[in-house]
Amino acid sequence: MSNPLSYPELAALLQARAGVTVAPGELEQPGAQFDEFGVDSLGLLGIVGELENRHGFKVTTGAESAKTPAEFLELVNSSLVTKAGA
């Protein structure tokens, strides 16, 4: 994974791994929270696992507990930067 995870990619992962359909624009809304969309830590754990398997990097601990899409993307993308610098 050479590019940062984006809101459209997160929306696709939410559909595939958590079974929740959310428009990317809804995820980008200021103050949007995963619980508003019916996404819990188990759903996020599935997404973290998918990213780790697909791209071969360890996602920062705590990403599965993120409360907002923005926080999740920040944690995942910081893992990507750390991997790139390794």
N, C-alpha and C. Protein backbone atom coordinates (compact mmCIF):
# COMPACT_ATOMS: atom_id res chain seq x y z
N MET A 1 0.86 -1.17 0.00
CA MET A 1 0.00 0.00 0.00
C MET A 1 0.89 1.22 0.00
N SER A 2 0.93 1.92 -1.10
CA SER A 2 1.83 3.05 -1.20
C SER A 2 1.11 4.37 -0.99
N ASN A 3 -0.17 4.39 -1.16
CA ASN A 3 -0.95 5.61 -0.97
C ASN A 3 -1.72 5.52 0.34
N PRO A 4 -1.99 6.68 0.94
CA PRO A 4 -2.78 6.66 2.17
C PRO A 4 -4.18 6.08 1.92
N LEU A 5 -4.73 5.46 2.94
CA LEU A 5 -6.09 4.96 2.87
C LEU A 5 -7.02 6.17 2.79
N SER A 6 -7.98 6.11 1.88
CA SER A 6 -8.89 7.23 1.66
C SER A 6 -10.29 6.89 2.18
N TYR A 7 -11.14 7.90 2.23
CA TYR A 7 -12.52 7.68 2.65
C TYR A 7 -13.26 6.71 1.72
N PRO A 8 -13.12 6.82 0.38
CA PRO A 8 -13.79 5.83 -0.47
C PRO A 8 -13.29 4.40 -0.22
N GLU A 9 -12.00 4.24 0.01
CA GLU A 9 -11.47 2.90 0.31
C GLU A 9 -11.99 2.40 1.65
N LEU A 10 -12.08 3.29 2.63
CA LEU A 10 -12.63 2.91 3.93
C LEU A 10 -14.09 2.49 3.79
N ALA A 11 -14.85 3.23 2.99
CA ALA A 11 -16.26 2.88 2.76
C ALA A 11 -16.37 1.48 2.14
N ALA A 12 -15.50 1.17 1.19
CA ALA A 12 -15.52 -0.15 0.55
C ALA A 12 -15.16 -1.24 1.56
N LEU A 13 -14.19 -0.98 2.42
CA LEU A 13 -13.81 -1.95 3.45
C LEU A 13 -14.92 -2.14 4.48
N LEU A 14 -15.61 -1.07 4.82
CA LEU A 14 -16.73 -1.19 5.75
C LEU A 14 -17.81 -2.10 5.16
N GLN A 15 -18.05 -1.96 3.87
CA GLN A 15 -19.04 -2.81 3.21
C GLN A 15 -18.58 -4.26 3.20
N ALA A 16 -17.34 -4.48 2.81
CA ALA A 16 -16.83 -5.84 2.64
C ALA A 16 -16.59 -6.56 3.96
N ARG A 17 -16.05 -5.89 4.94
CA ARG A 17 -15.62 -6.56 6.18
C ARG A 17 -16.59 -6.39 7.34
N ALA A 18 -17.37 -5.30 7.35
CA ALA A 18 -18.30 -5.07 8.46
C ALA A 18 -19.76 -5.15 8.02
N GLY A 19 -19.99 -5.28 6.71
CA GLY A 19 -21.35 -5.39 6.21
C GLY A 19 -22.17 -4.12 6.35
N VAL A 20 -21.49 -2.98 6.39
CA VAL A 20 -22.16 -1.69 6.58
C VAL A 20 -21.93 -0.83 5.34
N THR A 21 -23.01 -0.36 4.75
CA THR A 21 -22.90 0.50 3.58
C THR A 21 -23.00 1.95 4.01
N VAL A 22 -21.94 2.70 3.74
CA VAL A 22 -21.87 4.12 4.08
C VAL A 22 -21.24 4.85 2.91
N ALA A 23 -21.82 5.95 2.51
CA ALA A 23 -21.23 6.76 1.44
C ALA A 23 -19.96 7.42 1.97
N PRO A 24 -18.92 7.49 1.13
CA PRO A 24 -17.68 8.13 1.57
C PRO A 24 -17.90 9.55 2.10
N GLY A 25 -18.80 10.30 1.47
CA GLY A 25 -19.07 11.66 1.92
C GLY A 25 -19.60 11.72 3.34
N GLU A 26 -20.36 10.71 3.74
CA GLU A 26 -20.87 10.66 5.11
C GLU A 26 -19.74 10.43 6.10
N LEU A 27 -18.77 9.60 5.71
CA LEU A 27 -17.62 9.35 6.58
C LEU A 27 -16.77 10.59 6.78
N GLU A 28 -16.75 11.46 5.77
CA GLU A 28 -15.93 12.67 5.80
C GLU A 28 -16.55 13.81 6.61
N GLN A 29 -17.80 13.69 6.95
CA GLN A 29 -18.47 14.78 7.66
C GLN A 29 -17.80 15.06 9.00
N PRO A 30 -17.55 16.33 9.31
CA PRO A 30 -16.98 16.65 10.62
C PRO A 30 -17.86 16.10 11.74
N GLY A 31 -17.24 15.45 12.68
CA GLY A 31 -17.97 14.90 13.82
C GLY A 31 -18.60 13.54 13.56
N ALA A 32 -18.44 12.99 12.36
CA ALA A 32 -19.00 11.66 12.07
C ALA A 32 -18.37 10.63 13.00
N GLN A 33 -19.20 9.76 13.54
CA GLN A 33 -18.72 8.73 14.45
C GLN A 33 -19.15 7.37 13.92
N PHE A 34 -18.29 6.37 14.12
CA PHE A 34 -18.60 5.03 13.62
C PHE A 34 -19.90 4.49 14.19
N ASP A 35 -20.21 4.78 15.45
CA ASP A 35 -21.43 4.22 16.04
C ASP A 35 -22.69 4.75 15.35
N GLU A 36 -22.62 5.92 14.72
CA GLU A 36 -23.76 6.45 13.95
C GLU A 36 -24.09 5.56 12.76
N PHE A 37 -23.09 4.85 12.25
CA PHE A 37 -23.25 4.00 11.07
C PHE A 37 -23.42 2.53 11.44
N GLY A 38 -23.40 2.23 12.73
CA GLY A 38 -23.55 0.84 13.17
C GLY A 38 -22.26 0.05 13.09
N VAL A 39 -21.12 0.75 13.14
CA VAL A 39 -19.83 0.09 13.08
C VAL A 39 -19.25 0.05 14.49
N ASP A 40 -18.87 -1.15 14.93
CA ASP A 40 -18.27 -1.29 16.26
C ASP A 40 -16.81 -1.71 16.14
N SER A 41 -16.18 -1.93 17.28
CA SER A 41 -14.76 -2.27 17.29
C SER A 41 -14.50 -3.61 16.60
N LEU A 42 -15.45 -4.52 16.63
CA LEU A 42 -15.28 -5.80 15.95
C LEU A 42 -15.23 -5.60 14.44
N GLY A 43 -16.08 -4.74 13.92
CA GLY A 43 -16.05 -4.41 12.50
C GLY A 43 -14.73 -3.77 12.10
N LEU A 44 -14.26 -2.86 12.95
CA LEU A 44 -12.97 -2.20 12.66
C LEU A 44 -11.82 -3.18 12.77
N LEU A 45 -11.91 -4.13 13.68
CA LEU A 45 -10.87 -5.15 13.80
C LEU A 45 -10.79 -5.97 12.51
N GLY A 46 -11.93 -6.26 11.92
CA GLY A 46 -11.94 -6.97 10.64
C GLY A 46 -11.26 -6.17 9.55
N ILE A 47 -11.48 -4.87 9.54
CA ILE A 47 -10.84 -4.00 8.55
C ILE A 47 -9.34 -3.93 8.78
N VAL A 48 -8.94 -3.81 10.03
CA VAL A 48 -7.51 -3.78 10.37
C VAL A 48 -6.84 -5.08 9.89
N GLY A 49 -7.48 -6.20 10.18
CA GLY A 49 -6.93 -7.49 9.74
C GLY A 49 -6.82 -7.58 8.23
N GLU A 50 -7.82 -7.11 7.54
CA GLU A 50 -7.79 -7.10 6.08
C GLU A 50 -6.64 -6.25 5.56
N LEU A 51 -6.47 -5.07 6.12
CA LEU A 51 -5.37 -4.19 5.68
C LEU A 51 -4.01 -4.81 5.95
N GLU A 52 -3.86 -5.42 7.12
CA GLU A 52 -2.59 -6.04 7.47
C GLU A 52 -2.28 -7.21 6.54
N ASN A 53 -3.28 -8.02 6.24
CA ASN A 53 -3.07 -9.16 5.34
C ASN A 53 -2.83 -8.71 3.91
N ARG A 54 -3.59 -7.75 3.47
CA ARG A 54 -3.52 -7.30 2.09
C ARG A 54 -2.21 -6.57 1.78
N HIS A 55 -1.74 -5.77 2.73
CA HIS A 55 -0.61 -4.89 2.45
C HIS A 55 0.66 -5.21 3.22
N GLY A 56 0.60 -6.18 4.12
CA GLY A 56 1.80 -6.63 4.81
C GLY A 56 2.42 -5.64 5.77
N PHE A 57 1.60 -4.87 6.46
CA PHE A 57 2.13 -4.00 7.49
C PHE A 57 1.25 -4.05 8.72
N LYS A 58 1.85 -3.78 9.87
CA LYS A 58 1.13 -3.79 11.15
C LYS A 58 0.50 -2.42 11.37
N VAL A 59 -0.80 -2.41 11.58
CA VAL A 59 -1.52 -1.17 11.85
C VAL A 59 -1.33 -0.81 13.32
N THR A 60 -1.17 0.46 13.58
CA THR A 60 -1.00 0.96 14.94
C THR A 60 -2.05 0.39 15.88
N THR A 61 -1.61 -0.10 17.03
CA THR A 61 -2.52 -0.61 18.05
C THR A 61 -3.51 0.48 18.43
N GLY A 62 -4.75 0.12 18.52
CA GLY A 62 -5.80 1.07 18.90
C GLY A 62 -6.66 1.51 17.73
N ALA A 63 -6.25 1.21 16.50
CA ALA A 63 -7.06 1.62 15.35
C ALA A 63 -8.46 1.00 15.43
N GLU A 64 -8.54 -0.23 15.93
CA GLU A 64 -9.85 -0.89 16.03
C GLU A 64 -10.76 -0.25 17.07
N SER A 65 -10.21 0.63 17.88
CA SER A 65 -11.00 1.34 18.90
C SER A 65 -11.29 2.78 18.51
N ALA A 66 -10.93 3.17 17.30
CA ALA A 66 -11.16 4.55 16.85
C ALA A 66 -12.66 4.86 16.91
N LYS A 67 -12.97 6.04 17.31
CA LYS A 67 -14.37 6.45 17.41
C LYS A 67 -14.87 7.12 16.13
N THR A 68 -13.95 7.69 15.36
CA THR A 68 -14.35 8.41 14.15
C THR A 68 -13.58 7.90 12.94
N PRO A 69 -14.17 8.05 11.76
CA PRO A 69 -13.44 7.68 10.55
C PRO A 69 -12.13 8.46 10.40
N ALA A 70 -12.15 9.74 10.75
CA ALA A 70 -10.93 10.56 10.64
C ALA A 70 -9.83 10.01 11.55
N GLU A 71 -10.17 9.63 12.76
CA GLU A 71 -9.20 9.06 13.69
C GLU A 71 -8.66 7.73 13.15
N PHE A 72 -9.54 6.90 12.61
CA PHE A 72 -9.12 5.62 12.05
C PHE A 72 -8.13 5.82 10.90
N LEU A 73 -8.48 6.71 9.98
CA LEU A 73 -7.59 6.98 8.85
C LEU A 73 -6.24 7.53 9.31
N GLU A 74 -6.26 8.38 10.31
CA GLU A 74 -5.01 8.94 10.84
C GLU A 74 -4.13 7.82 11.40
N LEU A 75 -4.70 6.92 12.15
CA LEU A 75 -3.93 5.81 12.74
C LEU A 75 -3.40 4.86 11.66
N VAL A 76 -4.26 4.50 10.72
CA VAL A 76 -3.84 3.59 9.65
C VAL A 76 -2.76 4.24 8.80
N ASN A 77 -2.98 5.48 8.42
CA ASN A 77 -2.01 6.15 7.56
C ASN A 77 -0.71 6.45 8.27
N SER A 78 -0.73 6.65 9.58
CA SER A 78 0.52 6.83 10.32
C SER A 78 1.30 5.51 10.35
N SER A 79 0.59 4.39 10.37
CA SER A 79 1.25 3.08 10.28
C SER A 79 1.95 2.93 8.94
N LEU A 80 1.31 3.42 7.91
CA LEU A 80 1.86 3.35 6.55
C LEU A 80 3.14 4.19 6.48
N VAL A 81 3.11 5.38 7.05
CA VAL A 81 4.29 6.25 7.04
C VAL A 81 5.42 5.60 7.81
N THR A 82 5.11 5.00 8.95
CA THR A 82 6.13 4.32 9.76
C THR A 82 6.74 3.17 8.97
N LYS A 83 5.91 2.41 8.26
CA LYS A 83 6.41 1.30 7.47
C LYS A 83 7.31 1.80 6.35
N ALA A 84 6.91 2.88 5.70
CA ALA A 84 7.68 3.44 4.59
C ALA A 84 9.04 3.93 5.06
N GLY A 85 9.10 4.42 6.30
CA GLY A 85 10.36 4.92 6.85
C GLY A 85 11.26 3.83 7.38
N ALA A 86 10.72 2.62 7.51
CA ALA A 86 11.51 1.51 8.08
C ALA A 86 12.52 0.95 7.10
